[in-house]
Amino acid sequence: MFRDDSISVPVEEGETYDVTIQDIARQGDGIARIEGFVVFVPNTSVGDEVQIKVERVLPKFAFATVVE
């Protein structure tokens, strides 16, 4: 299977972004999307408009926390 590692991920660890929570994952985390890229944000609800800090970036998704 061909994989192109040069595809850029639109988020960076340690950076903050303003997002709207669009969905809830099976595990209960909120899901935001930045340029279509999925970011999981715990302790949020659908419709929340929050500022997040990206904690960990993986090839297909990222994890973030809400900035207080």
N, C-alpha and C. Protein backbone atom coordinates (compact mmCIF):
# COMPACT_ATOMS: atom_id res chain seq x y z
N MET A 1 0.84 -1.18 0.00
CA MET A 1 0.00 0.00 0.00
C MET A 1 0.88 1.25 0.00
N PHE A 2 0.57 2.18 -0.84
CA PHE A 2 1.36 3.41 -0.97
C PHE A 2 0.93 4.40 0.10
N ARG A 3 1.91 5.00 0.72
CA ARG A 3 1.60 6.02 1.72
C ARG A 3 2.50 7.21 1.49
N ASP A 4 1.90 8.37 1.45
CA ASP A 4 2.65 9.60 1.22
C ASP A 4 2.78 10.36 2.54
N ASP A 5 3.96 10.26 3.17
CA ASP A 5 4.17 10.93 4.44
C ASP A 5 4.34 12.43 4.30
N SER A 6 4.39 12.92 3.08
CA SER A 6 4.56 14.36 2.89
C SER A 6 3.23 15.11 2.98
N ILE A 7 2.11 14.38 3.13
CA ILE A 7 0.81 15.06 3.28
C ILE A 7 0.86 15.85 4.59
N SER A 8 0.58 17.13 4.51
CA SER A 8 0.72 17.96 5.69
C SER A 8 -0.52 17.85 6.57
N VAL A 9 -0.26 17.84 7.86
CA VAL A 9 -1.31 17.83 8.86
C VAL A 9 -1.56 19.30 9.22
N PRO A 10 -2.82 19.74 9.27
CA PRO A 10 -3.10 21.18 9.45
C PRO A 10 -2.98 21.70 10.88
N VAL A 11 -2.53 20.86 11.81
CA VAL A 11 -2.37 21.30 13.20
C VAL A 11 -0.95 20.97 13.68
N GLU A 12 -0.51 21.69 14.71
CA GLU A 12 0.81 21.45 15.29
C GLU A 12 0.69 21.29 16.79
N GLU A 13 1.48 20.38 17.36
CA GLU A 13 1.50 20.21 18.81
C GLU A 13 1.90 21.52 19.47
N GLY A 14 1.18 21.87 20.54
CA GLY A 14 1.49 23.08 21.29
C GLY A 14 0.79 24.32 20.79
N GLU A 15 0.20 24.26 19.61
CA GLU A 15 -0.50 25.43 19.05
C GLU A 15 -1.95 25.47 19.56
N THR A 16 -2.53 26.68 19.56
CA THR A 16 -3.93 26.83 19.96
C THR A 16 -4.79 27.19 18.75
N TYR A 17 -6.05 26.76 18.79
CA TYR A 17 -6.99 26.98 17.70
C TYR A 17 -8.36 27.24 18.29
N ASP A 18 -9.16 28.08 17.61
CA ASP A 18 -10.56 28.29 17.98
C ASP A 18 -11.40 27.34 17.15
N VAL A 19 -12.19 26.51 17.83
CA VAL A 19 -12.98 25.49 17.12
C VAL A 19 -14.39 25.42 17.68
N THR A 20 -15.26 24.79 16.90
CA THR A 20 -16.61 24.44 17.37
C THR A 20 -16.70 22.92 17.40
N ILE A 21 -17.18 22.38 18.51
CA ILE A 21 -17.33 20.93 18.63
C ILE A 21 -18.50 20.50 17.75
N GLN A 22 -18.24 19.57 16.83
CA GLN A 22 -19.24 19.19 15.84
C GLN A 22 -19.91 17.85 16.12
N ASP A 23 -19.27 17.02 16.92
CA ASP A 23 -19.78 15.67 17.13
C ASP A 23 -19.21 15.12 18.43
N ILE A 24 -19.71 13.97 18.86
CA ILE A 24 -19.18 13.30 20.05
C ILE A 24 -18.72 11.90 19.63
N ALA A 25 -17.50 11.56 20.03
CA ALA A 25 -16.94 10.24 19.72
C ALA A 25 -17.58 9.18 20.61
N ARG A 26 -17.40 7.91 20.23
CA ARG A 26 -17.95 6.81 21.04
C ARG A 26 -17.46 6.86 22.47
N GLN A 27 -16.22 7.31 22.68
CA GLN A 27 -15.64 7.37 24.02
C GLN A 27 -16.11 8.60 24.80
N GLY A 28 -16.89 9.47 24.14
CA GLY A 28 -17.45 10.64 24.82
C GLY A 28 -16.71 11.94 24.59
N ASP A 29 -15.55 11.88 23.93
CA ASP A 29 -14.81 13.10 23.64
C ASP A 29 -15.51 13.89 22.54
N GLY A 30 -15.39 15.22 22.63
CA GLY A 30 -15.90 16.06 21.55
C GLY A 30 -15.00 15.93 20.33
N ILE A 31 -15.58 16.14 19.15
CA ILE A 31 -14.82 16.10 17.91
C ILE A 31 -14.92 17.46 17.23
N ALA A 32 -13.76 18.05 16.98
CA ALA A 32 -13.67 19.27 16.18
C ALA A 32 -12.93 18.91 14.90
N ARG A 33 -13.12 19.71 13.86
CA ARG A 33 -12.39 19.48 12.61
C ARG A 33 -11.70 20.77 12.20
N ILE A 34 -10.43 20.65 11.88
CA ILE A 34 -9.64 21.77 11.39
C ILE A 34 -9.18 21.40 9.99
N GLU A 35 -9.74 22.09 8.99
CA GLU A 35 -9.47 21.77 7.58
C GLU A 35 -9.77 20.28 7.31
N GLY A 36 -10.83 19.76 7.94
CA GLY A 36 -11.23 18.38 7.75
C GLY A 36 -10.50 17.38 8.63
N PHE A 37 -9.47 17.82 9.32
CA PHE A 37 -8.66 16.96 10.18
C PHE A 37 -9.33 16.83 11.54
N VAL A 38 -9.51 15.60 12.02
CA VAL A 38 -10.24 15.34 13.26
C VAL A 38 -9.36 15.61 14.47
N VAL A 39 -9.93 16.37 15.42
CA VAL A 39 -9.27 16.64 16.69
C VAL A 39 -10.22 16.24 17.82
N PHE A 40 -9.77 15.36 18.70
CA PHE A 40 -10.58 14.92 19.84
C PHE A 40 -10.33 15.86 21.01
N VAL A 41 -11.44 16.33 21.64
CA VAL A 41 -11.35 17.29 22.75
C VAL A 41 -12.23 16.79 23.89
N PRO A 42 -11.62 16.27 24.97
CA PRO A 42 -12.44 15.77 26.08
C PRO A 42 -13.18 16.89 26.81
N ASN A 43 -14.23 16.49 27.51
CA ASN A 43 -15.01 17.41 28.37
C ASN A 43 -15.66 18.55 27.58
N THR A 44 -16.14 18.24 26.38
CA THR A 44 -16.86 19.23 25.57
C THR A 44 -18.16 18.61 25.06
N SER A 45 -19.06 19.47 24.60
CA SER A 45 -20.35 19.05 24.07
C SER A 45 -20.54 19.63 22.68
N VAL A 46 -21.42 19.00 21.89
CA VAL A 46 -21.71 19.49 20.55
C VAL A 46 -22.18 20.94 20.64
N GLY A 47 -21.61 21.79 19.79
CA GLY A 47 -21.97 23.20 19.75
C GLY A 47 -21.06 24.09 20.58
N ASP A 48 -20.24 23.50 21.45
CA ASP A 48 -19.31 24.31 22.24
C ASP A 48 -18.33 25.02 21.31
N GLU A 49 -18.13 26.31 21.55
CA GLU A 49 -17.10 27.07 20.83
C GLU A 49 -15.98 27.31 21.82
N VAL A 50 -14.85 26.65 21.59
CA VAL A 50 -13.77 26.65 22.57
C VAL A 50 -12.43 26.93 21.90
N GLN A 51 -11.48 27.38 22.72
CA GLN A 51 -10.10 27.47 22.25
C GLN A 51 -9.40 26.21 22.77
N ILE A 52 -8.69 25.54 21.88
CA ILE A 52 -8.02 24.30 22.25
C ILE A 52 -6.52 24.43 22.06
N LYS A 53 -5.80 23.60 22.83
CA LYS A 53 -4.35 23.47 22.65
C LYS A 53 -4.09 22.03 22.23
N VAL A 54 -3.42 21.86 21.09
CA VAL A 54 -3.14 20.52 20.57
C VAL A 54 -2.02 19.90 21.40
N GLU A 55 -2.31 18.71 21.96
CA GLU A 55 -1.35 18.02 22.83
C GLU A 55 -0.58 16.93 22.08
N ARG A 56 -1.26 16.24 21.17
CA ARG A 56 -0.62 15.13 20.46
C ARG A 56 -1.17 15.02 19.05
N VAL A 57 -0.30 14.90 18.07
CA VAL A 57 -0.71 14.78 16.67
C VAL A 57 -0.28 13.43 16.13
N LEU A 58 -1.25 12.72 15.56
CA LEU A 58 -1.02 11.44 14.90
C LEU A 58 -1.34 11.61 13.42
N PRO A 59 -1.02 10.63 12.58
CA PRO A 59 -1.24 10.82 11.13
C PRO A 59 -2.68 11.13 10.72
N LYS A 60 -3.66 10.55 11.42
CA LYS A 60 -5.05 10.72 10.99
C LYS A 60 -5.90 11.57 11.92
N PHE A 61 -5.41 11.87 13.11
CA PHE A 61 -6.18 12.68 14.05
C PHE A 61 -5.25 13.23 15.13
N ALA A 62 -5.82 14.10 15.97
CA ALA A 62 -5.03 14.72 17.05
C ALA A 62 -5.87 14.75 18.32
N PHE A 63 -5.18 14.99 19.44
CA PHE A 63 -5.82 15.15 20.73
C PHE A 63 -5.50 16.55 21.24
N ALA A 64 -6.51 17.20 21.84
CA ALA A 64 -6.32 18.55 22.35
C ALA A 64 -7.06 18.72 23.67
N THR A 65 -6.70 19.78 24.40
CA THR A 65 -7.40 20.12 25.62
C THR A 65 -7.94 21.54 25.49
N VAL A 66 -8.99 21.83 26.25
CA VAL A 66 -9.58 23.17 26.24
C VAL A 66 -8.65 24.10 27.01
N VAL A 67 -8.41 25.28 26.44
CA VAL A 67 -7.62 26.32 27.10
C VAL A 67 -8.57 27.08 28.02
N GLU A 68 -8.25 27.15 29.28
CA GLU A 68 -9.13 27.84 30.25
C GLU A 68 -8.96 29.34 30.17
